[in-house]
Protein backbone atom coordinates (compact mmCIF):
# COMPACT_ATOMS: atom_id res chain seq x y z
CA MET A 1 16.59 -51.87 59.85
CA ALA A 2 20.16 -51.43 58.61
CA SER A 3 18.76 -50.32 55.26
CA LEU A 4 16.55 -47.71 56.97
CA ILE A 5 19.51 -46.32 58.89
CA SER A 6 21.66 -46.14 55.76
CA SER A 7 18.82 -44.42 53.87
CA GLU A 8 18.46 -41.84 56.63
CA ARG A 9 22.20 -41.13 56.59
CA LEU A 10 22.07 -40.79 52.76
CA LEU A 11 19.28 -38.22 52.99
CA HIS A 12 21.20 -36.25 55.62
CA ARG A 13 24.32 -36.27 53.48
CA PHE A 14 22.77 -35.11 50.16
CA PHE A 15 19.96 -32.85 51.34
CA PHE A 16 21.49 -31.38 54.49
CA LEU A 17 18.64 -32.44 56.80
CA PRO A 18 19.27 -31.97 60.56
CA PRO A 19 19.75 -35.34 62.27
CA SER A 20 17.53 -34.33 65.19
CA LEU A 21 14.48 -33.92 62.88
CA HIS A 22 12.21 -36.68 64.21
CA VAL A 23 8.52 -36.95 64.89
CA PHE A 24 7.18 -39.11 67.73
CA THR A 25 3.54 -40.00 67.79
CA SER A 26 3.33 -41.68 71.14
CA PRO A 27 5.18 -40.73 74.34
CA ARG A 28 4.15 -43.94 76.15
CA PRO A 29 7.20 -46.13 76.90
CA LEU A 30 7.21 -49.82 76.03
CA SER A 31 8.67 -52.30 78.49
CA ALA A 32 9.34 -55.01 75.97
CA PRO A 33 12.48 -54.74 73.87
CA LEU A 34 10.47 -55.60 70.75
CA GLY A 35 8.04 -52.79 71.35
CA GLY A 36 10.89 -50.29 71.68
CA MET A 37 12.43 -51.51 68.48
CA MET A 38 9.16 -51.16 66.57
CA ARG A 39 8.66 -47.65 67.97
CA ARG A 40 12.10 -46.58 66.80
CA MET A 41 11.47 -48.04 63.31
CA ARG A 42 8.15 -46.16 62.98
CA SER A 43 9.82 -42.92 64.09
CA ARG A 44 12.60 -43.27 61.55
CA SER A 45 10.13 -44.17 58.76
CA ARG A 46 8.09 -41.04 59.44
CA THR A 47 11.29 -39.00 59.59
CA ILE A 48 12.22 -40.29 56.16
CA CYS A 49 8.76 -39.49 54.73
CA LEU A 50 8.82 -36.01 56.21
CA SER A 51 12.30 -35.43 54.81
CA LEU A 52 11.18 -36.50 51.36
CA ALA A 53 8.23 -34.09 51.57
CA PHE A 54 10.55 -31.22 52.47
CA VAL A 55 12.82 -32.17 49.55
CA ALA A 56 9.86 -32.16 47.13
CA VAL A 57 8.74 -28.70 48.32
CA PHE A 58 12.29 -27.40 48.03
CA LEU A 59 12.67 -28.70 44.45
CA TYR A 60 9.29 -27.28 43.45
CA LEU A 61 10.18 -23.81 44.78
CA LEU A 62 13.58 -23.96 43.07
CA LEU A 63 11.97 -24.87 39.76
CA ALA A 64 9.44 -22.04 40.11
CA LEU A 65 12.16 -19.49 40.75
CA VAL A 66 14.14 -20.63 37.71
CA SER A 67 11.17 -20.62 35.32
CA LEU A 68 9.69 -17.30 36.50
CA PRO A 69 11.82 -14.96 34.28
CA ILE A 70 11.38 -17.25 31.30
CA HIS A 71 7.61 -17.22 31.71
CA HIS A 72 7.47 -13.43 31.56
CA GLN A 73 9.51 -13.05 28.40
CA PRO A 74 7.28 -11.75 25.53
CA CYS A 75 6.63 -14.20 22.75
CA ASP A 76 7.44 -12.98 19.24
CA PRO A 77 4.37 -13.02 16.97
CA LEU A 78 4.34 -15.46 14.13
CA LEU A 79 5.60 -14.05 10.86
CA PRO A 80 3.28 -13.94 7.84
CA PRO A 81 3.41 -17.09 5.75
CA ARG A 82 6.17 -16.79 3.19
CA THR A 83 8.16 -19.70 1.94
CA HIS A 84 5.55 -22.41 2.24
CA VAL A 85 2.88 -20.28 0.54
CA LEU A 86 5.13 -19.44 -2.39
CA ARG A 87 6.28 -23.04 -2.59
CA ASP A 88 2.64 -24.06 -2.88
CA LEU A 89 2.23 -21.59 -5.70
CA THR A 90 4.95 -23.36 -7.66
CA ARG A 91 2.99 -26.62 -7.44
CA ALA A 92 -0.14 -25.07 -8.95
CA SER A 93 -1.05 -26.59 -12.30
CA TYR A 94 -3.56 -24.02 -13.50
CA THR A 95 -2.83 -21.73 -16.49
CA SER A 96 -3.69 -18.14 -17.37
CA VAL A 97 -2.11 -14.74 -17.92
CA GLY A 98 1.13 -14.02 -16.09
CA LEU A 99 1.35 -11.40 -13.42
CA SER A 100 4.08 -9.42 -15.12
CA GLY A 101 4.84 -11.35 -18.24
CA PRO A 102 3.47 -11.10 -21.78
CA THR A 103 -0.23 -11.78 -22.10
CA ASP A 104 -1.58 -14.57 -24.24
CA ALA A 105 -4.57 -13.36 -26.18
CA THR A 106 -6.39 -16.61 -25.52
CA HIS A 107 -6.04 -16.35 -21.73
CA GLY A 108 -8.39 -14.35 -19.58
CA ASP A 109 -11.17 -14.50 -22.16
CA SER A 110 -14.61 -15.33 -20.86
CA SER A 111 -14.75 -18.31 -23.20
CA ASN A 112 -12.15 -20.39 -21.31
CA LYS A 113 -14.44 -21.34 -18.44
CA GLY A 114 -13.89 -25.02 -19.03
CA ALA A 115 -10.14 -24.75 -18.70
CA ASN A 116 -10.43 -22.82 -15.46
CA LYS A 117 -12.98 -25.06 -13.78
CA GLY A 118 -10.63 -28.00 -13.45
CA ALA A 119 -8.20 -26.06 -11.33
CA LYS A 120 -10.65 -23.75 -9.62
CA GLY A 121 -10.90 -25.78 -6.44
CA HIS A 122 -7.14 -25.90 -5.97
CA VAL A 123 -6.68 -22.22 -6.75
CA ARG A 124 -9.47 -21.13 -4.43
CA ALA A 125 -8.14 -23.35 -1.64
CA LEU A 126 -4.67 -21.91 -2.12
CA SER A 127 -6.00 -18.36 -2.00
CA ASP A 128 -8.08 -19.08 1.07
CA GLY A 129 -5.08 -20.69 2.71
CA LEU A 130 -3.02 -17.59 2.11
CA LEU A 131 -5.61 -15.43 3.84
CA SER A 132 -6.57 -17.88 6.57
CA ALA A 133 -2.94 -18.20 7.62
CA THR A 134 -2.91 -14.46 8.08
CA GLU A 135 -6.31 -14.36 9.73
CA GLY A 136 -5.04 -16.86 12.29
CA LYS A 137 -2.85 -14.16 13.77
CA MET A 138 -5.96 -12.28 14.84
CA ASN A 139 -6.41 -14.65 17.76
CA MET A 140 -2.86 -14.24 19.02
CA PRO A 141 -2.12 -12.01 22.02
CA GLY A 142 -1.46 -8.51 20.80
CA GLY A 143 -2.79 -9.30 17.31
CA GLU A 144 -5.59 -6.80 17.41
CA HIS A 145 -4.95 -3.08 17.32
CA ARG A 146 -6.06 -1.17 20.37
CA HIS A 147 -7.66 2.02 19.09
CA GLY A 148 -6.86 5.10 21.11
CA THR A 149 -7.48 8.78 20.89
CA ASP A 150 -3.85 9.74 20.59
CA ARG A 151 -2.90 10.21 16.92
CA ALA A 152 0.79 9.56 17.56
CA GLU A 153 0.01 6.09 18.92
CA SER A 154 -2.22 5.38 15.91
CA VAL A 155 0.51 6.38 13.48
CA ALA A 156 3.12 4.32 15.34
CA SER A 157 0.87 1.27 15.29
CA GLY A 158 0.08 1.89 11.65
CA GLN A 159 3.78 1.97 10.78
CA SER A 160 4.23 -1.60 12.00
CA LYS A 161 1.14 -2.63 10.04
CA LEU A 162 2.46 -0.92 6.92
CA GLU A 163 5.80 -2.70 7.22
CA ALA A 164 4.05 -6.03 7.78
CA LEU A 165 1.84 -5.39 4.75
CA PHE A 166 4.77 -4.79 2.40
CA ASP A 167 6.54 -7.85 3.87
CA HIS A 168 3.57 -10.09 3.09
CA PRO A 169 4.01 -12.67 0.29
CA LEU A 170 1.27 -10.99 -1.76
CA TYR A 171 3.55 -7.96 -2.05
CA ASN A 172 6.72 -9.97 -2.66
CA MET A 173 5.79 -12.41 -5.40
CA PRO A 174 8.79 -12.74 -7.69
CA SER A 175 8.51 -11.98 -11.38
CA PRO A 176 10.61 -13.12 -14.34
CA PRO A 177 13.35 -10.85 -15.69
CA ILE A 178 12.04 -8.01 -17.84
CA PRO A 179 12.91 -8.44 -21.53
CA GLU A 180 14.77 -5.65 -23.28
CA GLU A 181 11.74 -4.69 -25.36
CA ASP A 182 9.57 -4.26 -22.24
CA TRP A 183 11.49 -1.19 -21.00
CA LEU A 184 9.95 2.13 -21.98
CA LEU A 185 13.25 3.98 -22.49
CA LYS A 186 16.84 2.97 -23.09
CA VAL A 187 20.15 4.76 -22.60
CA LYS A 188 22.10 5.25 -25.81
CA PRO A 189 25.33 3.22 -25.66
CA LYS A 190 27.29 5.99 -27.37
CA ILE A 191 26.53 9.71 -27.38
CA LYS A 192 27.54 11.86 -30.31
CA ALA A 193 29.51 15.01 -29.64
CA SER A 194 26.64 17.13 -30.97
CA GLU A 195 24.32 15.61 -28.35
CA LYS A 196 26.50 16.28 -25.31
CA SER A 197 25.41 19.89 -24.94
CA SER A 198 23.07 20.63 -22.06
CA GLN A 199 20.98 22.72 -24.50
CA MET A 200 19.11 19.54 -25.36
CA TRP A 201 17.57 19.74 -21.84
CA VAL A 202 16.95 23.49 -21.64
CA SER A 203 14.42 25.26 -23.82
CA ALA A 204 15.35 28.90 -23.27
CA SER A 205 18.08 29.62 -20.73
CA LYS A 206 20.66 27.73 -18.68
CA GLU A 207 20.37 30.16 -15.78
CA GLY A 208 19.86 28.29 -12.51
CA TYR A 209 20.50 24.85 -14.00
CA GLU A 210 23.39 22.56 -13.14
CA ASP A 211 26.04 21.41 -15.60
CA VAL A 212 25.13 18.06 -17.09
CA GLN A 213 27.54 15.34 -15.95
CA TRP A 214 25.56 12.30 -16.99
CA ASN A 215 26.84 9.28 -18.88
CA SER A 216 25.62 5.76 -19.61
CA SER A 217 26.16 4.75 -15.97
CA SER A 218 22.95 4.83 -13.96
CA THR A 219 24.83 6.12 -10.89
CA SER A 220 25.36 9.45 -12.66
CA HIS A 221 21.68 9.93 -13.44
CA PRO A 222 19.49 12.23 -11.32
CA PRO A 223 16.56 10.52 -9.54
CA TRP A 224 13.93 11.73 -12.01
CA LEU A 225 15.86 10.20 -14.93
CA ARG A 226 16.30 6.90 -13.05
CA PHE A 227 12.53 6.93 -12.55
CA HIS A 228 11.95 7.36 -16.28
CA LEU A 229 14.40 4.59 -17.13
CA GLY A 230 12.70 2.26 -14.63
CA ILE A 231 9.28 2.34 -16.33
CA SER A 232 8.39 -1.02 -17.87
CA ARG A 233 5.46 -2.57 -19.66
CA TRP A 234 3.79 -3.57 -16.37
CA GLN A 235 4.50 -0.81 -13.83
CA LEU A 236 5.87 2.69 -13.32
CA TYR A 237 8.38 1.63 -10.66
CA PRO A 238 9.40 -1.62 -8.94
CA ARG A 239 7.88 -2.56 -5.58
CA ARG A 240 11.14 -1.99 -3.65
CA ASP A 241 12.61 0.91 -5.58
CA PRO A 242 15.72 2.36 -3.88
CA ASN A 243 15.30 5.45 -6.05
CA MET A 244 11.97 6.38 -4.45
CA ALA A 245 13.48 8.01 -1.34
CA PRO A 246 15.91 10.39 -3.15
CA LEU A 247 13.26 11.16 -5.78
CA THR A 248 10.59 12.24 -3.28
CA GLU A 249 13.16 14.09 -1.18
CA GLN A 250 14.24 16.17 -4.17
CA LEU A 251 10.63 16.93 -5.05
CA ALA A 252 10.07 18.27 -1.55
CA THR A 253 13.31 20.23 -1.08
CA GLN A 254 15.09 21.01 -4.35
CA ARG A 255 15.29 24.61 -5.52
CA ILE A 256 12.68 25.67 -8.07
CA VAL A 257 14.24 27.50 -11.04
CA SER A 258 11.16 27.83 -13.26
CA ALA A 259 7.37 27.79 -12.96
CA VAL A 260 5.03 28.00 -15.93
CA GLN A 261 1.36 27.21 -16.34
CA LYS A 262 0.51 23.88 -17.93
CA SER A 263 -1.65 24.31 -20.98
CA GLY A 264 -5.01 22.56 -21.16
CA GLY A 265 -7.10 21.29 -18.30
CA THR A 266 -9.95 22.94 -16.48
CA GLN A 267 -8.04 24.37 -13.51
CA LEU A 268 -4.74 26.03 -12.67
CA LYS A 269 -1.65 23.79 -12.74
CA LEU A 270 2.02 24.72 -12.94
CA VAL A 271 5.05 22.88 -14.30
CA MET A 272 7.98 23.34 -11.89
CA SER A 273 11.58 22.83 -13.06
CA PHE A 274 14.60 21.99 -10.90
CA PRO A 275 18.35 22.59 -11.31
CA ASN A 276 18.95 18.96 -12.41
CA TYR A 277 16.41 19.41 -15.26
CA GLY A 278 13.73 17.43 -13.48
CA GLN A 279 10.14 18.64 -13.71
CA ALA A 280 7.03 18.17 -11.61
CA MET A 281 3.35 19.06 -11.87
CA PHE A 282 2.24 21.48 -9.15
CA LYS A 283 -1.39 21.60 -8.04
CA PRO A 284 -2.04 24.35 -5.49
CA MET A 285 -4.26 24.12 -2.44
CA LYS A 286 -7.81 25.17 -3.33
CA GLN A 287 -9.74 24.44 -0.15
CA GLU A 288 -9.33 23.11 3.36
CA ARG A 289 -8.78 19.40 3.90
CA ASP A 290 -11.95 18.91 5.95
CA GLU A 291 -14.17 20.81 3.51
CA GLU A 292 -16.58 18.45 1.75
CA THR A 293 -17.87 18.89 -1.77
CA ASN A 294 -21.23 20.62 -1.94
CA TYR A 295 -24.01 18.07 -2.46
CA ASN A 296 -25.62 20.26 -5.12
CA LEU A 297 -22.38 20.60 -7.10
CA TYR A 298 -21.86 18.36 -10.11
CA TYR A 299 -18.66 16.34 -10.06
CA PHE A 300 -17.30 17.96 -13.23
CA SER A 301 -17.51 21.39 -11.58
CA ASP A 302 -15.72 20.41 -8.39
CA PHE A 303 -12.37 21.79 -7.21
CA GLU A 304 -9.21 19.74 -7.62
CA ARG A 305 -7.49 19.00 -4.32
CA HIS A 306 -3.76 18.87 -3.76
CA ASN A 307 -4.12 16.41 -0.87
CA ALA A 308 -6.19 14.10 -3.09
CA GLU A 309 -3.28 13.78 -5.53
CA ILE A 310 -0.94 12.87 -2.66
CA ALA A 311 -3.36 10.42 -1.05
CA ALA A 312 -4.11 8.77 -4.41
CA PHE A 313 -0.41 7.98 -4.92
CA HIS A 314 -0.18 6.37 -1.47
CA LEU A 315 -3.41 4.38 -1.95
CA ASP A 316 -2.29 3.16 -5.39
CA ARG A 317 0.97 1.92 -3.84
CA ILE A 318 -0.81 0.22 -0.92
CA LEU A 319 -3.11 -1.62 -3.35
CA GLY A 320 0.00 -2.94 -5.12
CA TYR A 321 -0.71 -1.21 -8.45
CA ARG A 322 2.24 1.23 -8.79
CA ARG A 323 0.54 3.06 -11.68
CA ILE A 324 0.54 6.64 -10.32
CA PRO A 325 3.75 8.72 -10.59
CA PRO A 326 5.28 9.63 -7.20
CA VAL A 327 3.64 12.66 -5.55
CA VAL A 328 4.71 14.68 -2.50
CA GLY A 329 3.37 17.72 -0.73
CA ARG A 330 5.34 20.94 -0.44
CA LEU A 331 5.06 24.42 1.02
CA VAL A 332 5.98 26.87 -1.74
CA ASP A 333 6.87 30.56 -1.42
CA VAL A 334 4.51 32.26 -3.88
CA VAL A 335 6.89 35.18 -4.45
CA GLU A 336 10.32 33.53 -4.48
CA GLU A 337 9.40 30.19 -6.07
CA ILE A 338 6.67 31.22 -8.52
CA LYS A 339 6.42 34.95 -9.23
CA ARG A 340 10.15 35.72 -9.50
CA VAL A 341 11.09 32.61 -11.50
CA THR A 342 8.18 32.41 -13.92
CA THR A 343 8.67 33.22 -17.60
CA ASP A 344 4.96 32.76 -18.28
CA ARG A 345 3.54 36.22 -18.94
CA LYS A 346 -0.03 34.99 -18.65
CA VAL A 347 0.64 33.88 -15.09
CA ALA A 348 2.78 36.90 -14.20
CA ARG A 349 -0.05 39.31 -15.06
CA THR A 350 -2.45 37.66 -12.57
CA PHE A 351 -0.51 38.26 -9.33
CA PHE A 352 -2.03 40.60 -6.77
CA THR A 353 -2.12 41.22 -3.01
CA SER A 354 -5.39 40.50 -1.25
CA PRO A 355 -7.01 42.97 1.20
CA VAL A 356 -5.52 41.03 4.13
CA GLY A 357 -1.98 41.05 2.68
CA ASN A 358 -1.82 37.57 1.13
CA VAL A 359 -0.03 37.15 -2.22
CA CYS A 360 -2.40 35.63 -4.78
CA PHE A 361 -2.54 34.67 -8.47
CA TYR A 362 -5.05 32.87 -10.70
CA GLY A 363 -3.52 32.24 -14.15
CA GLN A 364 -5.67 31.43 -17.17
CA CYS A 365 -7.85 28.33 -17.56
CA SER A 366 -11.41 27.32 -18.47
CA TYR A 367 -12.56 26.90 -14.84
CA TYR A 368 -11.87 28.81 -11.64
CA CYS A 369 -9.18 31.16 -13.03
CA SER A 370 -10.41 34.52 -11.80
CA THR A 371 -9.95 36.86 -8.88
CA GLU A 372 -12.93 35.17 -7.21
CA HIS A 373 -11.10 31.82 -7.33
CA ALA A 374 -7.52 32.98 -6.88
CA VAL A 375 -4.85 30.84 -5.23
CA CYS A 376 -3.41 32.67 -2.22
CA GLY A 377 -0.47 32.18 0.10
CA ARG A 378 -0.60 32.66 3.89
CA PRO A 379 0.70 35.29 3.46
CA ARG A 380 3.27 33.87 1.00
CA LYS A 381 3.40 30.19 1.86
CA LEU A 382 1.21 28.02 -0.35
CA GLU A 383 0.53 24.28 0.00
CA GLY A 384 0.54 22.14 -3.09
CA SER A 385 1.23 18.70 -4.54
CA LEU A 386 4.23 17.96 -6.75
CA ALA A 387 3.95 14.95 -9.07
CA VAL A 388 6.90 13.69 -11.09
CA MET A 389 6.38 14.36 -14.78
CA LEU A 390 6.31 11.37 -17.09
CA PRO A 391 8.77 11.23 -20.02
CA ASP A 392 8.16 13.83 -22.69
CA LEU A 393 5.67 12.80 -25.36
CA SER A 394 8.39 13.14 -27.98
CA LEU A 395 10.27 10.31 -26.21
CA ALA A 396 7.36 8.16 -25.03
CA SER A 397 4.05 8.95 -26.66
CA ARG A 398 0.85 8.02 -24.83
CA ARG A 399 -2.55 7.03 -26.10
CA SER A 400 -5.73 8.34 -24.53
CA TRP A 401 -8.64 5.91 -24.20
CA ARG A 402 -12.23 6.91 -23.64
CA SER A 403 -13.68 5.06 -20.67
CA PRO A 404 -16.53 2.66 -21.61
CA TRP A 405 -18.26 3.77 -18.41
CA ARG A 406 -17.70 7.47 -19.10
CA ARG A 407 -20.33 9.71 -17.56
CA SER A 408 -22.52 11.80 -19.81
CA TYR A 409 -21.32 15.09 -18.30
CA SER A 410 -24.86 16.29 -18.76
CA ARG A 411 -27.23 17.44 -16.06
CA SER A 412 -30.15 15.50 -17.56
CA LYS A 413 -28.93 12.81 -19.99
CA LEU A 414 -27.91 9.32 -18.85
CA ALA A 415 -25.02 7.34 -20.28
CA LYS A 416 -25.57 3.95 -21.95
CA TRP A 417 -24.21 1.97 -19.02
CA GLU A 418 -26.74 3.67 -16.72
CA SER A 419 -29.72 2.56 -18.82
CA GLU A 420 -28.60 -0.84 -20.24
CA PRO A 421 -28.28 -3.60 -17.58
CA ASP A 422 -26.41 -5.92 -20.00
CA TYR A 423 -24.00 -3.21 -21.10
CA CYS A 424 -20.86 -5.14 -20.08
CA SER A 425 -21.56 -7.99 -22.53
CA THR A 426 -21.18 -5.45 -25.32
CA VAL A 427 -17.94 -4.12 -23.85
CA LYS A 428 -16.47 -7.64 -23.59
CA LYS A 429 -16.92 -8.08 -27.34
CA THR A 430 -15.22 -4.80 -28.16
CA PRO A 431 -11.42 -4.49 -28.57
CA PRO A 432 -9.27 -4.16 -26.51
CA TYR A 433 -11.60 -5.51 -23.78
CA ASP A 434 -12.30 -8.75 -25.66
CA LYS A 435 -8.94 -10.34 -24.79
CA GLY A 436 -5.91 -10.01 -22.58
CA THR A 437 -5.98 -8.12 -19.28
CA ARG A 438 -7.52 -4.82 -20.35
CA LEU A 439 -10.86 -5.46 -18.65
CA VAL A 440 -9.37 -6.44 -15.28
CA ASP A 441 -6.89 -3.58 -15.60
CA PHE A 442 -9.85 -1.25 -15.91
CA ILE A 443 -11.59 -2.92 -12.93
CA ASP A 444 -8.43 -2.22 -10.88
CA LEU A 445 -8.82 1.45 -11.77
CA VAL A 446 -12.53 1.34 -10.90
CA ILE A 447 -11.78 -0.05 -7.43
CA LEU A 448 -9.21 2.67 -6.82
CA ASP A 449 -11.72 5.35 -7.90
CA PHE A 450 -14.48 3.94 -5.70
CA LEU A 451 -12.28 3.78 -2.61
CA MET A 452 -11.36 7.46 -2.98
CA SER A 453 -14.75 8.49 -4.46
CA ASN A 454 -13.43 9.83 -7.77
CA MET A 455 -16.27 10.26 -10.28
CA ASP A 456 -14.20 12.16 -12.83
CA ARG A 457 -12.62 9.28 -14.80
CA HIS A 458 -13.70 9.97 -18.37
CA HIS A 459 -10.39 8.91 -19.98
CA TYR A 460 -7.29 6.91 -19.15
CA GLU A 461 -3.90 6.58 -20.85
CA THR A 462 -1.37 3.93 -21.84
CA PHE A 463 2.11 4.09 -23.33
CA GLU A 464 1.77 3.72 -27.07
CA LYS A 465 4.97 1.68 -27.39
CA PHE A 466 3.40 -1.30 -25.59
CA GLY A 467 0.17 -1.37 -27.57
CA ASN A 468 -2.82 -2.97 -25.82
CA ASN A 469 -0.70 -5.30 -23.74
CA THR A 470 0.28 -3.02 -20.85
CA PHE A 471 -0.96 -1.36 -17.66
CA LEU A 472 -3.20 1.71 -17.39
CA LEU A 473 -1.84 5.00 -16.09
CA HIS A 474 -3.87 6.24 -13.11
CA LEU A 475 -3.43 9.98 -13.71
CA ASP A 476 -5.33 13.10 -12.67
CA ASN A 477 -6.87 12.26 -9.28
CA GLY A 478 -7.49 15.79 -8.02
CA ARG A 479 -11.25 15.37 -7.72
CA ALA A 480 -10.96 12.39 -5.38
CA PHE A 481 -11.66 12.44 -1.62
CA GLY A 482 -14.32 15.14 -2.00
CA ARG A 483 -16.90 13.50 0.24
CA HIS A 484 -16.45 11.13 3.16
CA SER A 485 -20.04 11.06 4.40
CA LYS A 486 -21.44 9.57 1.17
CA ASP A 487 -20.31 6.74 -1.08
CA GLU A 488 -20.99 6.79 -4.81
CA PRO A 489 -22.16 3.30 -5.85
CA SER A 490 -22.27 4.16 -9.57
CA ILE A 491 -18.45 4.16 -9.66
CA LEU A 492 -18.56 0.39 -9.04
CA ALA A 493 -20.88 -0.24 -12.01
CA PRO A 494 -18.16 -1.93 -14.14
CA LEU A 495 -17.42 -4.44 -11.35
CA GLU A 496 -21.10 -5.12 -10.69
CA GLN A 497 -21.99 -5.51 -14.37
CA CYS A 498 -18.90 -7.47 -15.51
CA CYS A 499 -18.23 -9.50 -12.32
CA ARG A 500 -14.52 -9.83 -13.07
CA ILE A 501 -11.54 -9.11 -10.83
CA ARG A 502 -7.87 -10.05 -10.65
CA ARG A 503 -6.96 -12.72 -8.13
CA THR A 504 -4.04 -10.70 -6.73
CA THR A 505 -6.27 -7.63 -6.40
CA TRP A 506 -8.98 -9.65 -4.66
CA LEU A 507 -6.50 -11.22 -2.22
CA ARG A 508 -4.93 -7.87 -1.36
CA LEU A 509 -8.33 -6.32 -0.74
CA ARG A 510 -9.19 -9.18 1.62
CA LEU A 511 -5.84 -8.72 3.35
CA LEU A 512 -6.50 -4.99 3.84
CA SER A 513 -9.84 -5.78 5.47
CA LEU A 514 -8.12 -7.67 8.33
CA PRO A 515 -7.49 -5.77 11.60
CA GLN A 516 -3.71 -6.30 11.50
CA TYR A 517 -3.52 -4.77 7.98
CA ARG A 518 -6.51 -2.41 8.16
CA LEU A 519 -6.60 -0.09 5.14
CA SER A 520 -7.25 3.07 7.15
CA ASP A 521 -4.34 2.33 9.49
CA VAL A 522 -1.78 1.67 6.77
CA MET A 523 -2.98 4.74 4.82
CA ARG A 524 -2.60 6.93 7.89
CA ALA A 525 0.91 5.58 8.44
CA SER A 526 1.92 5.96 4.79
CA LEU A 527 0.65 9.54 4.57
CA SER A 528 2.56 10.46 7.73
CA HIS A 529 5.79 10.25 5.72
CA ASP A 530 4.73 13.17 3.51
CA PRO A 531 6.27 16.58 4.38
CA LEU A 532 2.84 18.24 4.60
CA HIS A 533 1.83 15.87 7.40
CA ARG A 534 3.75 18.17 9.74
CA VAL A 535 1.28 20.94 8.85
CA ALA A 536 -1.85 18.81 9.19
CA PRO A 537 -2.90 15.22 8.40
CA LEU A 538 -3.48 14.90 4.66
CA LEU A 539 -6.69 12.92 5.13
CA SER A 540 -9.09 13.54 7.99
CA GLU A 541 -10.25 10.65 10.15
CA PRO A 542 -13.71 10.54 8.48
CA HIS A 543 -11.99 10.06 5.09
CA LEU A 544 -9.87 7.23 6.52
CA ALA A 545 -12.95 5.57 8.02
CA ALA A 546 -14.67 5.87 4.64
CA LEU A 547 -11.87 3.80 3.08
CA ASP A 548 -12.68 0.85 5.36
CA ARG A 549 -16.40 1.20 4.69
CA ARG A 550 -15.92 1.29 0.91
CA LEU A 551 -13.49 -1.63 0.98
CA LYS A 552 -16.18 -3.71 2.65
CA THR A 553 -18.60 -2.71 -0.13
CA VAL A 554 -16.14 -3.87 -2.82
CA LEU A 555 -15.68 -7.27 -1.16
CA GLU A 556 -19.44 -7.68 -0.76
CA THR A 557 -19.88 -6.88 -4.45
CA VAL A 558 -17.39 -9.60 -5.41
CA SER A 559 -19.16 -12.06 -3.10
CA ARG A 560 -22.51 -11.37 -4.80
CA CYS A 561 -20.85 -11.92 -8.17
CA GLN A 562 -19.45 -15.27 -7.01
CA GLU A 563 -22.93 -16.39 -5.95
CA ARG A 564 -24.29 -16.01 -9.47
CA ASP A 565 -21.20 -16.63 -11.63
CA ASP A 566 -18.41 -19.22 -11.49
CA ASP A 567 -15.94 -17.22 -13.60
CA VAL A 568 -15.39 -14.12 -11.47
CA ILE A 569 -11.75 -14.40 -10.40
CA PHE A 570 -9.25 -13.77 -13.19
CA ASP A 571 -6.20 -15.86 -12.37
CA ASP A 572 -3.03 -13.80 -12.80
CA MET A 573 -0.84 -15.92 -10.50
CA ALA A 574 -0.32 -18.99 -12.67
CA SER A 575 2.85 -17.80 -14.39
CA LEU A 576 4.60 -17.74 -11.01
CA LYS A 577 4.70 -21.53 -10.84
CA ASP A 578 7.97 -21.65 -12.81
CA THR A 579 9.60 -18.57 -11.35
CA VAL A 580 8.74 -18.56 -7.64
CA THR A 581 11.65 -18.69 -5.22
CA PRO A 582 11.37 -18.56 -1.43
CA VAL A 583 11.26 -15.07 0.03
CA GLY A 584 13.82 -14.84 2.83
């Protein structure tokens, strides 16, 4: 009884319970002293139990109030797998051609199936792990993109996807240092006095050009020269190039001091020059963005589109290739920035004013250079694409290669690859496709062309300095994005017939098929950075939807190849095992 009383006093002291809080179950008095004592003990026991219940409720409510704000804090989504994935890559024991290193002629050949089979299970599991770790985020809250009708919301969502894409390990795999002989151009350590004149950069007149203040220090070089000096054996520019922003800004805003027609080609193109001696290829707007190519028009007679050149550069970058020179859109004043600065008499003679007051010109070329196909401003403003010119051929000569899957360019005759099912076996035995990476380099180009529906790839180029062991230049994409309502399966013929694809290309394509990295979303976001996006979106929504549809077709084609062939994936990730460092 003494212990019960002391317990009751302890509860009152620590939990501030009122001493009068008692519950009596029976009002009947007991005459015996023992009965009264038992009644008081039962009352105090129930008081203690009731007090403990109140304490429990009080503690529960207090805990709920404390945890409420914590419960409502948003959880940060998991970051894409980085360090552990790249660390796994370093443990891989398979061998093949390096991602950005010199190519061994014996690697990548179709005859090394035996060497690849031993490591195939580990490589495939590693690749699947890389994608499955990313796919796991699809089930997280907020992982899926909520499609809306508002374009601004779509672009904003796409921006986060674009940033996440370029932060993914597949876009941040380290590469070994580039050897001296793998740079396309080099700065002379000492410049002779006779070479210091700016006349070496100007062909006719110095009017409108800046004084040359360059030296061996890269900080003194204009952006276009830094771009030229950054070209290596394996890419046109590095994946995180700090020079890209100033280069594209100057293309879009710098004063134009000269405009002359580029010789050759089937349609009108101009070479624009800037005060810092940079040059860019200008392709004017020929038709509206939403206008599809006529179904009855052959591909080699189609218009070239300025927005296709811009979109091709962005798509090439998203695919991780970096083989198209930077391109931006620009509104040009036809009078001030072309007619009054041109020294090309052939172009100057073709200017006229249309019946509605627009300033037009048509130049001289083999196709569409006439008054019926003139390029006109509105009334003087003209849209166009500006692509950075590659180094002059006198400094860095290029070799032109005829595509093995070149179309016949005839309205009735078929090409060999269209009539011979086993055509690829012949190509694989023919140099330079019989060794090295040339075949999978070409397949990369084929996938790019299929995604943007470009049928006009009859040739491609490489830098002659690097021989056969280098990347392919993805130039001249003006006939892409002509149709969104129809896909052209014949463009994928090299992939279907050869059943060969780079591992990094395959993994990136799978990544771009996931909702959180959807190709159409990241393309929309990337294109929104172009200056012409303020005028109108560079690709219409049907064209963006076609990218997702065609990407699915490419992945299905690879899957069919894997069902009938064990040697489909060309491993270009093995050389990373000795050079991989964690990406912070």
